Amino acid sequence: MTARTKTASVELMLDSGTAYLNGKPYPLDVPAQLIQDATYVPVRFVAEALGASISWEPSARLVVINTETPAKPLSEA
């Protein structure tokens, strides 16, 4: 799977513990997985790698991805 913006490219492989951001490797807490014909990705890593911030709303059990508030840069592996 590849996701791109004007300034970033994120590459994930199913069941791999490593993702690539602009060609640089980053370890993942959880790999991308295929479960019952659906692909699940580590949303926090992908969102932050592409420059978005992410938060969890526990009362609504909702992940909020904000593209207007930049995320802190990811540190290299």
N, C-alpha and C. Protein backbone atom coordinates (compact mmCIF):
# COMPACT_ATOMS: atom_id res chain seq x y z
N MET A 1 0.85 -1.17 0.00
CA MET A 1 0.00 0.00 0.00
C MET A 1 0.88 1.22 0.00
N THR A 2 0.56 2.19 -0.82
CA THR A 2 1.29 3.45 -0.85
C THR A 2 0.29 4.59 -0.73
N ALA A 3 0.62 5.55 0.12
CA ALA A 3 -0.19 6.77 0.27
C ALA A 3 0.75 7.95 0.07
N ARG A 4 0.27 8.97 -0.65
CA ARG A 4 1.14 10.11 -0.98
C ARG A 4 0.43 11.44 -0.76
N THR A 5 1.25 12.42 -0.38
CA THR A 5 0.85 13.82 -0.43
C THR A 5 1.88 14.51 -1.32
N LYS A 6 1.82 15.83 -1.40
CA LYS A 6 2.81 16.56 -2.20
C LYS A 6 4.22 16.40 -1.63
N THR A 7 4.33 16.19 -0.32
CA THR A 7 5.66 16.15 0.31
C THR A 7 6.03 14.82 0.95
N ALA A 8 5.12 13.86 0.99
CA ALA A 8 5.40 12.61 1.69
C ALA A 8 4.86 11.40 0.92
N SER A 9 5.58 10.30 1.07
CA SER A 9 5.14 9.02 0.51
C SER A 9 5.32 7.96 1.58
N VAL A 10 4.25 7.25 1.90
CA VAL A 10 4.27 6.19 2.91
C VAL A 10 4.02 4.86 2.22
N GLU A 11 4.90 3.89 2.47
CA GLU A 11 4.74 2.56 1.89
C GLU A 11 4.63 1.53 3.02
N LEU A 12 3.60 0.68 2.93
CA LEU A 12 3.38 -0.40 3.89
C LEU A 12 3.23 -1.71 3.12
N MET A 13 3.76 -2.76 3.69
CA MET A 13 3.57 -4.10 3.13
C MET A 13 2.79 -4.91 4.17
N LEU A 14 1.88 -5.75 3.71
CA LEU A 14 1.13 -6.60 4.64
C LEU A 14 2.08 -7.42 5.50
N ASP A 15 1.77 -7.51 6.78
CA ASP A 15 2.49 -8.32 7.76
C ASP A 15 3.94 -7.92 7.97
N SER A 16 4.35 -6.73 7.53
CA SER A 16 5.71 -6.26 7.74
C SER A 16 5.75 -5.32 8.93
N GLY A 17 6.76 -5.46 9.76
CA GLY A 17 6.94 -4.59 10.93
C GLY A 17 7.66 -3.30 10.60
N THR A 18 7.89 -3.04 9.30
CA THR A 18 8.59 -1.82 8.88
C THR A 18 7.77 -1.10 7.82
N ALA A 19 7.66 0.21 7.99
CA ALA A 19 7.03 1.07 6.98
C ALA A 19 8.12 1.98 6.44
N TYR A 20 7.87 2.58 5.29
CA TYR A 20 8.83 3.49 4.69
C TYR A 20 8.18 4.83 4.46
N LEU A 21 8.82 5.87 5.00
CA LEU A 21 8.37 7.24 4.82
C LEU A 21 9.44 7.94 4.00
N ASN A 22 9.09 8.32 2.78
CA ASN A 22 10.05 8.93 1.85
C ASN A 22 11.30 8.07 1.72
N GLY A 23 11.10 6.75 1.70
CA GLY A 23 12.19 5.81 1.51
C GLY A 23 12.95 5.43 2.76
N LYS A 24 12.68 6.08 3.89
CA LYS A 24 13.38 5.77 5.14
C LYS A 24 12.55 4.78 5.96
N PRO A 25 13.19 3.76 6.54
CA PRO A 25 12.45 2.75 7.31
C PRO A 25 12.05 3.26 8.70
N TYR A 26 10.86 2.86 9.12
CA TYR A 26 10.34 3.15 10.46
C TYR A 26 9.71 1.88 11.01
N PRO A 27 10.01 1.53 12.26
CA PRO A 27 9.39 0.34 12.84
C PRO A 27 7.92 0.63 13.17
N LEU A 28 7.08 -0.39 13.03
CA LEU A 28 5.66 -0.27 13.35
C LEU A 28 5.34 -1.05 14.61
N ASP A 29 4.44 -0.54 15.43
CA ASP A 29 3.95 -1.29 16.59
C ASP A 29 3.12 -2.48 16.13
N VAL A 30 2.35 -2.26 15.06
CA VAL A 30 1.47 -3.29 14.50
C VAL A 30 1.58 -3.20 12.98
N PRO A 31 1.78 -4.31 12.28
CA PRO A 31 1.88 -4.24 10.82
C PRO A 31 0.52 -4.10 10.16
N ALA A 32 0.52 -3.70 8.89
CA ALA A 32 -0.71 -3.73 8.09
C ALA A 32 -1.13 -5.19 7.96
N GLN A 33 -2.43 -5.44 8.02
CA GLN A 33 -2.93 -6.81 7.99
C GLN A 33 -4.15 -6.93 7.09
N LEU A 34 -4.31 -8.08 6.47
CA LEU A 34 -5.50 -8.40 5.70
C LEU A 34 -6.35 -9.34 6.54
N ILE A 35 -7.55 -8.87 6.92
CA ILE A 35 -8.46 -9.66 7.76
C ILE A 35 -9.82 -9.69 7.07
N GLN A 36 -10.25 -10.87 6.71
CA GLN A 36 -11.54 -11.08 6.04
C GLN A 36 -11.75 -10.09 4.89
N ASP A 37 -10.81 -10.06 3.96
CA ASP A 37 -10.88 -9.24 2.76
C ASP A 37 -10.85 -7.73 3.02
N ALA A 38 -10.45 -7.30 4.21
CA ALA A 38 -10.29 -5.87 4.52
C ALA A 38 -8.85 -5.63 4.94
N THR A 39 -8.27 -4.55 4.46
CA THR A 39 -6.90 -4.20 4.83
C THR A 39 -6.94 -3.21 5.99
N TYR A 40 -6.24 -3.57 7.06
CA TYR A 40 -6.13 -2.73 8.25
C TYR A 40 -4.72 -2.17 8.31
N VAL A 41 -4.60 -0.86 8.51
CA VAL A 41 -3.29 -0.22 8.58
C VAL A 41 -3.15 0.49 9.92
N PRO A 42 -1.91 0.70 10.38
CA PRO A 42 -1.70 1.47 11.61
C PRO A 42 -2.01 2.95 11.35
N VAL A 43 -3.22 3.35 11.64
CA VAL A 43 -3.73 4.66 11.23
C VAL A 43 -2.93 5.81 11.85
N ARG A 44 -2.48 5.68 13.08
CA ARG A 44 -1.71 6.77 13.68
C ARG A 44 -0.42 7.01 12.89
N PHE A 45 0.29 5.94 12.56
CA PHE A 45 1.52 6.11 11.81
C PHE A 45 1.25 6.75 10.46
N VAL A 46 0.29 6.23 9.72
CA VAL A 46 0.00 6.75 8.38
C VAL A 46 -0.44 8.21 8.44
N ALA A 47 -1.35 8.54 9.33
CA ALA A 47 -1.84 9.92 9.42
C ALA A 47 -0.72 10.89 9.78
N GLU A 48 0.07 10.55 10.81
CA GLU A 48 1.14 11.44 11.22
C GLU A 48 2.24 11.52 10.18
N ALA A 49 2.53 10.42 9.50
CA ALA A 49 3.55 10.43 8.45
C ALA A 49 3.15 11.36 7.31
N LEU A 50 1.85 11.46 7.05
CA LEU A 50 1.35 12.33 5.99
C LEU A 50 1.05 13.74 6.48
N GLY A 51 1.43 14.05 7.73
CA GLY A 51 1.33 15.41 8.24
C GLY A 51 0.06 15.75 8.99
N ALA A 52 -0.79 14.78 9.27
CA ALA A 52 -2.03 15.04 10.01
C ALA A 52 -1.83 14.74 11.49
N SER A 53 -2.66 15.32 12.32
CA SER A 53 -2.67 14.95 13.73
C SER A 53 -3.83 14.00 13.95
N ILE A 54 -3.75 13.23 15.03
CA ILE A 54 -4.76 12.21 15.27
C ILE A 54 -5.09 12.18 16.76
N SER A 55 -6.35 11.95 17.06
CA SER A 55 -6.75 11.85 18.47
C SER A 55 -7.87 10.81 18.58
N TRP A 56 -8.12 10.40 19.81
CA TRP A 56 -9.12 9.40 20.11
C TRP A 56 -10.20 10.03 20.97
N GLU A 57 -11.46 9.88 20.57
CA GLU A 57 -12.61 10.35 21.33
C GLU A 57 -13.25 9.13 21.98
N PRO A 58 -12.90 8.82 23.24
CA PRO A 58 -13.37 7.58 23.86
C PRO A 58 -14.88 7.48 24.00
N SER A 59 -15.55 8.58 24.30
CA SER A 59 -17.00 8.49 24.51
C SER A 59 -17.73 8.08 23.23
N ALA A 60 -17.19 8.49 22.08
CA ALA A 60 -17.82 8.14 20.80
C ALA A 60 -17.12 6.96 20.14
N ARG A 61 -16.01 6.50 20.76
CA ARG A 61 -15.18 5.43 20.17
C ARG A 61 -14.82 5.79 18.73
N LEU A 62 -14.23 6.98 18.59
CA LEU A 62 -14.00 7.58 17.29
C LEU A 62 -12.56 8.06 17.17
N VAL A 63 -11.91 7.72 16.06
CA VAL A 63 -10.60 8.25 15.73
C VAL A 63 -10.81 9.52 14.92
N VAL A 64 -10.16 10.61 15.32
CA VAL A 64 -10.29 11.89 14.62
C VAL A 64 -8.95 12.21 13.97
N ILE A 65 -8.96 12.37 12.65
CA ILE A 65 -7.76 12.73 11.89
C ILE A 65 -7.95 14.17 11.43
N ASN A 66 -7.02 15.03 11.85
CA ASN A 66 -7.11 16.46 11.54
C ASN A 66 -5.99 16.84 10.59
N THR A 67 -6.34 17.22 9.39
CA THR A 67 -5.33 17.61 8.41
C THR A 67 -4.98 19.09 8.48
N GLU A 68 -5.70 19.83 9.32
CA GLU A 68 -5.42 21.27 9.45
C GLU A 68 -4.43 21.56 10.57
N THR A 69 -4.24 20.62 11.50
CA THR A 69 -3.29 20.79 12.60
C THR A 69 -2.13 19.84 12.34
N PRO A 70 -0.96 20.38 12.02
CA PRO A 70 0.16 19.50 11.69
C PRO A 70 0.57 18.62 12.86
N ALA A 71 1.03 17.44 12.53
CA ALA A 71 1.54 16.50 13.53
C ALA A 71 3.01 16.81 13.79
N LYS A 72 3.52 16.33 14.92
CA LYS A 72 4.94 16.41 15.19
C LYS A 72 5.65 15.50 14.20
N PRO A 73 6.83 15.89 13.73
CA PRO A 73 7.55 15.01 12.79
C PRO A 73 7.88 13.66 13.41
N LEU A 74 7.82 12.62 12.61
CA LEU A 74 8.17 11.28 13.10
C LEU A 74 9.68 11.21 13.28
N SER A 75 10.11 10.50 14.33
CA SER A 75 11.55 10.31 14.52
C SER A 75 11.98 9.07 13.77
N GLU A 76 13.22 9.07 13.28
CA GLU A 76 13.70 7.95 12.50
C GLU A 76 13.96 6.74 13.36
N ALA A 77 13.89 5.56 12.74
CA ALA A 77 14.16 4.30 13.43
C ALA A 77 15.63 4.17 13.73
